[in-house]
Amino acid sequence: MRIITHTCSACGTVIAANELEDNRVMKCPGLDCEEVLRFTDLPEDARNHFLEYKEQYQI
């Protein structure tokens, strides 16, 4: 299993790939941050890996 995350470019908050995949589009959870994050913000290889092994990433 790989740890796949995305860092908000506006505030530096780290978001797990499974959160991005569940929501597809979400407001950054960082304090006072209005950045919109998308599953497609992840690199293509990370998205493909996550979707291929999605069952391993369930919390």
PDB file of N, CA and C in Angstrom:
ATOM      1  N   MET A   1       0.847  -1.183   0.000  1.00  0.00           N
ATOM      2  CA  MET A   1       0.000   0.000   0.000  1.00  0.00           C
ATOM      3  C   MET A   1       0.887   1.239   0.000  1.00  0.00           C
ATOM      4  N   ARG A   2       0.509   2.199  -0.809  1.00  0.00           N
ATOM      5  CA  ARG A   2       1.204   3.487  -0.865  1.00  0.00           C
ATOM      6  C   ARG A   2       0.394   4.507  -0.094  1.00  0.00           C
ATOM      7  N   ILE A   3       1.069   5.460   0.487  1.00  0.00           N
ATOM      8  CA  ILE A   3       0.380   6.582   1.116  1.00  0.00           C
ATOM      9  C   ILE A   3       0.283   7.668   0.060  1.00  0.00           C
ATOM     10  N   ILE A   4      -0.948   7.987  -0.334  1.00  0.00           N
ATOM     11  CA  ILE A   4      -1.167   8.961  -1.391  1.00  0.00           C
ATOM     12  C   ILE A   4      -1.866  10.167  -0.788  1.00  0.00           C
ATOM     13  N   THR A   5      -1.217  11.308  -0.896  1.00  0.00           N
ATOM     14  CA  THR A   5      -1.765  12.544  -0.340  1.00  0.00           C
ATOM     15  C   THR A   5      -1.618  13.673  -1.351  1.00  0.00           C
ATOM     16  N   HIS A   6      -2.306  14.751  -1.058  1.00  0.00           N
ATOM     17  CA  HIS A   6      -2.193  15.976  -1.851  1.00  0.00           C
ATOM     18  C   HIS A   6      -2.018  17.124  -0.873  1.00  0.00           C
ATOM     19  N   THR A   7      -1.137  18.044  -1.179  1.00  0.00           N
ATOM     20  CA  THR A   7      -0.915  19.209  -0.340  1.00  0.00           C
ATOM     21  C   THR A   7      -1.569  20.419  -0.980  1.00  0.00           C
ATOM     22  N   CYS A   8      -2.387  21.112  -0.211  1.00  0.00           N
ATOM     23  CA  CYS A   8      -3.049  22.320  -0.703  1.00  0.00           C
ATOM     24  C   CYS A   8      -1.978  23.360  -1.038  1.00  0.00           C
ATOM     25  N   SER A   9      -2.046  23.877  -2.238  1.00  0.00           N
ATOM     26  CA  SER A   9      -1.043  24.862  -2.664  1.00  0.00           C
ATOM     27  C   SER A   9      -1.228  26.212  -1.976  1.00  0.00           C
ATOM     28  N   ALA A  10      -2.409  26.473  -1.430  1.00  0.00           N
ATOM     29  CA  ALA A  10      -2.676  27.755  -0.785  1.00  0.00           C
ATOM     30  C   ALA A  10      -2.235  27.787   0.681  1.00  0.00           C
ATOM     31  N   CYS A  11      -2.454  26.668   1.405  1.00  0.00           N
ATOM     32  CA  CYS A  11      -2.182  26.720   2.851  1.00  0.00           C
ATOM     33  C   CYS A  11      -1.281  25.602   3.368  1.00  0.00           C
ATOM     34  N   GLY A  12      -1.024  24.588   2.534  1.00  0.00           N
ATOM     35  CA  GLY A  12      -0.134  23.506   2.942  1.00  0.00           C
ATOM     36  C   GLY A  12      -0.809  22.354   3.665  1.00  0.00           C
ATOM     37  N   THR A  13      -2.124  22.389   3.814  1.00  0.00           N
ATOM     38  CA  THR A  13      -2.840  21.295   4.463  1.00  0.00           C
ATOM     39  C   THR A  13      -2.699  20.034   3.611  1.00  0.00           C
ATOM     40  N   VAL A  14      -2.454  18.899   4.257  1.00  0.00           N
ATOM     41  CA  VAL A  14      -2.300  17.629   3.571  1.00  0.00           C
ATOM     42  C   VAL A  14      -3.625  16.881   3.626  1.00  0.00           C
ATOM     43  N   ILE A  15      -4.085  16.408   2.463  1.00  0.00           N
ATOM     44  CA  ILE A  15      -5.356  15.714   2.345  1.00  0.00           C
ATOM     45  C   ILE A  15      -5.082  14.331   1.787  1.00  0.00           C
ATOM     46  N   ALA A  16      -5.700  13.298   2.376  1.00  0.00           N
ATOM     47  CA  ALA A  16      -5.542  11.924   1.906  1.00  0.00           C
ATOM     48  C   ALA A  16      -6.296  11.715   0.597  1.00  0.00           C
ATOM     49  N   ALA A  17      -5.748  10.865  -0.249  1.00  0.00           N
ATOM     50  CA  ALA A  17      -6.372  10.573  -1.546  1.00  0.00           C
ATOM     51  C   ALA A  17      -7.777  10.025  -1.388  1.00  0.00           C
ATOM     52  N   ASN A  18      -8.015   9.214  -0.342  1.00  0.00           N
ATOM     53  CA  ASN A  18      -9.362   8.648  -0.185  1.00  0.00           C
ATOM     54  C   ASN A  18     -10.391   9.733   0.126  1.00  0.00           C
ATOM     55  N   GLU A  19     -10.000  10.786   0.799  1.00  0.00           N
ATOM     56  CA  GLU A  19     -10.918  11.900   1.039  1.00  0.00           C
ATOM     57  C   GLU A  19     -11.232  12.627  -0.267  1.00  0.00           C
ATOM     58  N   LEU A  20     -10.221  12.840  -1.079  1.00  0.00           N
ATOM     59  CA  LEU A  20     -10.439  13.495  -2.368  1.00  0.00           C
ATOM     60  C   LEU A  20     -11.293  12.626  -3.291  1.00  0.00           C
ATOM     61  N   GLU A  21     -11.061  11.330  -3.275  1.00  0.00           N
ATOM     62  CA  GLU A  21     -11.829  10.444  -4.143  1.00  0.00           C
ATOM     63  C   GLU A  21     -13.286  10.378  -3.698  1.00  0.00           C
ATOM     64  N   ASP A  22     -13.528  10.309  -2.392  1.00  0.00           N
ATOM     65  CA  ASP A  22     -14.896  10.255  -1.875  1.00  0.00           C
ATOM     66  C   ASP A  22     -15.691  11.489  -2.273  1.00  0.00           C
ATOM     67  N   ASN A  23     -15.064  12.639  -2.205  1.00  0.00           N
ATOM     68  CA  ASN A  23     -15.765  13.891  -2.453  1.00  0.00           C
ATOM     69  C   ASN A  23     -15.595  14.408  -3.883  1.00  0.00           C
ATOM     70  N   ARG A  24     -14.538  14.005  -4.556  1.00  0.00           N
ATOM     71  CA  ARG A  24     -14.175  14.447  -5.909  1.00  0.00           C
ATOM     72  C   ARG A  24     -13.864  15.937  -5.981  1.00  0.00           C
ATOM     73  N   VAL A  25     -14.678  16.773  -5.379  1.00  0.00           N
ATOM     74  CA  VAL A  25     -14.412  18.213  -5.297  1.00  0.00           C
ATOM     75  C   VAL A  25     -14.757  18.620  -3.879  1.00  0.00           C
ATOM     76  N   MET A  26     -13.827  19.288  -3.211  1.00  0.00           N
ATOM     77  CA  MET A  26     -14.084  19.692  -1.827  1.00  0.00           C
ATOM     78  C   MET A  26     -13.333  20.977  -1.502  1.00  0.00           C
ATOM     79  N   LYS A  27     -13.867  21.716  -0.546  1.00  0.00           N
ATOM     80  CA  LYS A  27     -13.179  22.886  -0.029  1.00  0.00           C
ATOM     81  C   LYS A  27     -12.060  22.385   0.865  1.00  0.00           C
ATOM     82  N   CYS A  28     -10.913  23.002   0.793  1.00  0.00           N
ATOM     83  CA  CYS A  28      -9.790  22.617   1.641  1.00  0.00           C
ATOM     84  C   CYS A  28     -10.203  22.703   3.107  1.00  0.00           C
ATOM     85  N   PRO A  29      -9.868  21.675   3.902  1.00  0.00           N
ATOM     86  CA  PRO A  29     -10.220  21.702   5.319  1.00  0.00           C
ATOM     87  C   PRO A  29      -9.308  22.591   6.170  1.00  0.00           C
ATOM     88  N   GLY A  30      -8.317  23.221   5.557  1.00  0.00           N
ATOM     89  CA  GLY A  30      -7.416  24.101   6.298  1.00  0.00           C
ATOM     90  C   GLY A  30      -8.141  25.320   6.853  1.00  0.00           C
ATOM     91  N   LEU A  31      -7.689  25.791   8.003  1.00  0.00           N
ATOM     92  CA  LEU A  31      -8.310  26.955   8.642  1.00  0.00           C
ATOM     93  C   LEU A  31      -8.234  28.179   7.738  1.00  0.00           C
ATOM     94  N   ASP A  32      -9.358  28.822   7.549  1.00  0.00           N
ATOM     95  CA  ASP A  32      -9.456  30.042   6.749  1.00  0.00           C
ATOM     96  C   ASP A  32      -8.967  29.871   5.308  1.00  0.00           C
ATOM     97  N   CYS A  33      -8.969  28.648   4.782  1.00  0.00           N
ATOM     98  CA  CYS A  33      -8.551  28.409   3.413  1.00  0.00           C
ATOM     99  C   CYS A  33      -9.788  28.192   2.551  1.00  0.00           C
ATOM    100  N   GLU A  34      -9.852  28.866   1.435  1.00  0.00           N
ATOM    101  CA  GLU A  34     -10.998  28.761   0.528  1.00  0.00           C
ATOM    102  C   GLU A  34     -10.652  27.995  -0.752  1.00  0.00           C
ATOM    103  N   GLU A  35      -9.469  27.384  -0.789  1.00  0.00           N
ATOM    104  CA  GLU A  35      -9.037  26.644  -1.985  1.00  0.00           C
ATOM    105  C   GLU A  35      -9.973  25.461  -2.251  1.00  0.00           C
ATOM    106  N   VAL A  36     -10.250  25.209  -3.511  1.00  0.00           N
ATOM    107  CA  VAL A  36     -11.065  24.061  -3.912  1.00  0.00           C
ATOM    108  C   VAL A  36     -10.118  22.976  -4.398  1.00  0.00           C
ATOM    109  N   LEU A  37     -10.269  21.774  -3.833  1.00  0.00           N
ATOM    110  CA  LEU A  37      -9.401  20.654  -4.171  1.00  0.00           C
ATOM    111  C   LEU A  37     -10.206  19.617  -4.942  1.00  0.00           C
ATOM    112  N   ARG A  38      -9.538  18.947  -5.880  1.00  0.00           N
ATOM    113  CA  ARG A  38     -10.195  17.952  -6.726  1.00  0.00           C
ATOM    114  C   ARG A  38      -9.358  16.676  -6.767  1.00  0.00           C
ATOM    115  N   PHE A  39     -10.035  15.554  -6.941  1.00  0.00           N
ATOM    116  CA  PHE A  39      -9.343  14.274  -7.100  1.00  0.00           C
ATOM    117  C   PHE A  39      -8.390  14.351  -8.294  1.00  0.00           C
ATOM    118  N   THR A  40      -8.770  15.092  -9.318  1.00  0.00           N
ATOM    119  CA  THR A  40      -7.920  15.222 -10.506  1.00  0.00           C
ATOM    120  C   THR A  40      -6.659  16.045 -10.245  1.00  0.00           C
ATOM    121  N   ASP A  41      -6.550  16.675  -9.070  1.00  0.00           N
ATOM    122  CA  ASP A  41      -5.318  17.382  -8.707  1.00  0.00           C
ATOM    123  C   ASP A  41      -4.171  16.403  -8.437  1.00  0.00           C
ATOM    124  N   LEU A  42      -4.518  15.151  -8.107  1.00  0.00           N
ATOM    125  CA  LEU A  42      -3.492  14.137  -7.889  1.00  0.00           C
ATOM    126  C   LEU A  42      -2.861  13.771  -9.229  1.00  0.00           C
ATOM    127  N   PRO A  43      -1.587  13.409  -9.241  1.00  0.00           N
ATOM    128  CA  PRO A  43      -0.970  12.953 -10.488  1.00  0.00           C
ATOM    129  C   PRO A  43      -1.713  11.724 -11.036  1.00  0.00           C
ATOM    130  N   GLU A  44      -1.720  11.562 -12.339  1.00  0.00           N
ATOM    131  CA  GLU A  44      -2.475  10.472 -12.968  1.00  0.00           C
ATOM    132  C   GLU A  44      -2.073   9.098 -12.436  1.00  0.00           C
ATOM    133  N   ASP A  45      -0.779   8.859 -12.237  1.00  0.00           N
ATOM    134  CA  ASP A  45      -0.356   7.545 -11.739  1.00  0.00           C
ATOM    135  C   ASP A  45      -0.865   7.292 -10.323  1.00  0.00           C
ATOM    136  N   ALA A  46      -0.932   8.319  -9.494  1.00  0.00           N
ATOM    137  CA  ALA A  46      -1.460   8.175  -8.136  1.00  0.00           C
ATOM    138  C   ALA A  46      -2.962   7.894  -8.178  1.00  0.00           C
ATOM    139  N   ARG A  47      -3.700   8.599  -9.045  1.00  0.00           N
ATOM    140  CA  ARG A  47      -5.145   8.349  -9.188  1.00  0.00           C
ATOM    141  C   ARG A  47      -5.402   6.922  -9.649  1.00  0.00           C
ATOM    142  N   ASN A  48      -4.658   6.475 -10.653  1.00  0.00           N
ATOM    143  CA  ASN A  48      -4.838   5.124 -11.178  1.00  0.00           C
ATOM    144  C   ASN A  48      -4.522   4.073 -10.122  1.00  0.00           C
ATOM    145  N   HIS A  49      -3.416   4.258  -9.397  1.00  0.00           N
ATOM    146  CA  HIS A  49      -3.050   3.317  -8.340  1.00  0.00           C
ATOM    147  C   HIS A  49      -4.138   3.277  -7.271  1.00  0.00           C
ATOM    148  N   PHE A  50      -4.600   4.424  -6.854  1.00  0.00           N
ATOM    149  CA  PHE A  50      -5.634   4.478  -5.816  1.00  0.00           C
ATOM    150  C   PHE A  50      -6.893   3.752  -6.276  1.00  0.00           C
ATOM    151  N   LEU A  51      -7.349   4.004  -7.486  1.00  0.00           N
ATOM    152  CA  LEU A  51      -8.576   3.384  -7.979  1.00  0.00           C
ATOM    153  C   LEU A  51      -8.410   1.879  -8.166  1.00  0.00           C
ATOM    154  N   GLU A  52      -7.223   1.448  -8.565  1.00  0.00           N
ATOM    155  CA  GLU A  52      -6.973   0.019  -8.759  1.00  0.00           C
ATOM    156  C   GLU A  52      -6.978  -0.737  -7.427  1.00  0.00           C
ATOM    157  N   TYR A  53      -6.484  -0.102  -6.370  1.00  0.00           N
ATOM    158  CA  TYR A  53      -6.373  -0.750  -5.058  1.00  0.00           C
ATOM    159  C   TYR A  53      -7.241  -0.062  -4.006  1.00  0.00           C
ATOM    160  N   LYS A  54      -8.367   0.473  -4.433  1.00  0.00           N
ATOM    161  CA  LYS A  54      -9.227   1.282  -3.570  1.00  0.00           C
ATOM    162  C   LYS A  54      -9.595   0.579  -2.263  1.00  0.00           C
ATOM    163  N   GLU A  55      -9.836  -0.729  -2.303  1.00  0.00           N
ATOM    164  CA  GLU A  55     -10.253  -1.462  -1.096  1.00  0.00           C
ATOM    165  C   GLU A  55      -9.186  -1.415  -0.003  1.00  0.00           C
ATOM    166  N   GLN A  56      -7.943  -1.218  -0.362  1.00  0.00           N
ATOM    167  CA  GLN A  56      -6.863  -1.133   0.629  1.00  0.00           C
ATOM    168  C   GLN A  56      -6.857   0.210   1.358  1.00  0.00           C
ATOM    169  N   TYR A  57      -7.542   1.195   0.822  1.00  0.00           N
ATOM    170  CA  TYR A  57      -7.504   2.536   1.375  1.00  0.00           C
ATOM    171  C   TYR A  57      -8.741   2.894   2.188  1.00  0.00           C
ATOM    172  N   GLN A  58      -9.556   1.916   2.531  1.00  0.00           N
ATOM    173  CA  GLN A  58     -10.742   2.183   3.341  1.00  0.00           C
ATOM    174  C   GLN A  58     -10.322   2.396   4.788  1.00  0.00           C
ATOM    175  N   ILE A  59     -10.901   3.401   5.421  1.00  0.00           N
ATOM    176  CA  ILE A  59     -10.584   3.698   6.832  1.00  0.00           C
ATOM    177  C   ILE A  59     -11.562   2.973   7.721  1.00  0.00           C
TER     178      ILE A  59
END
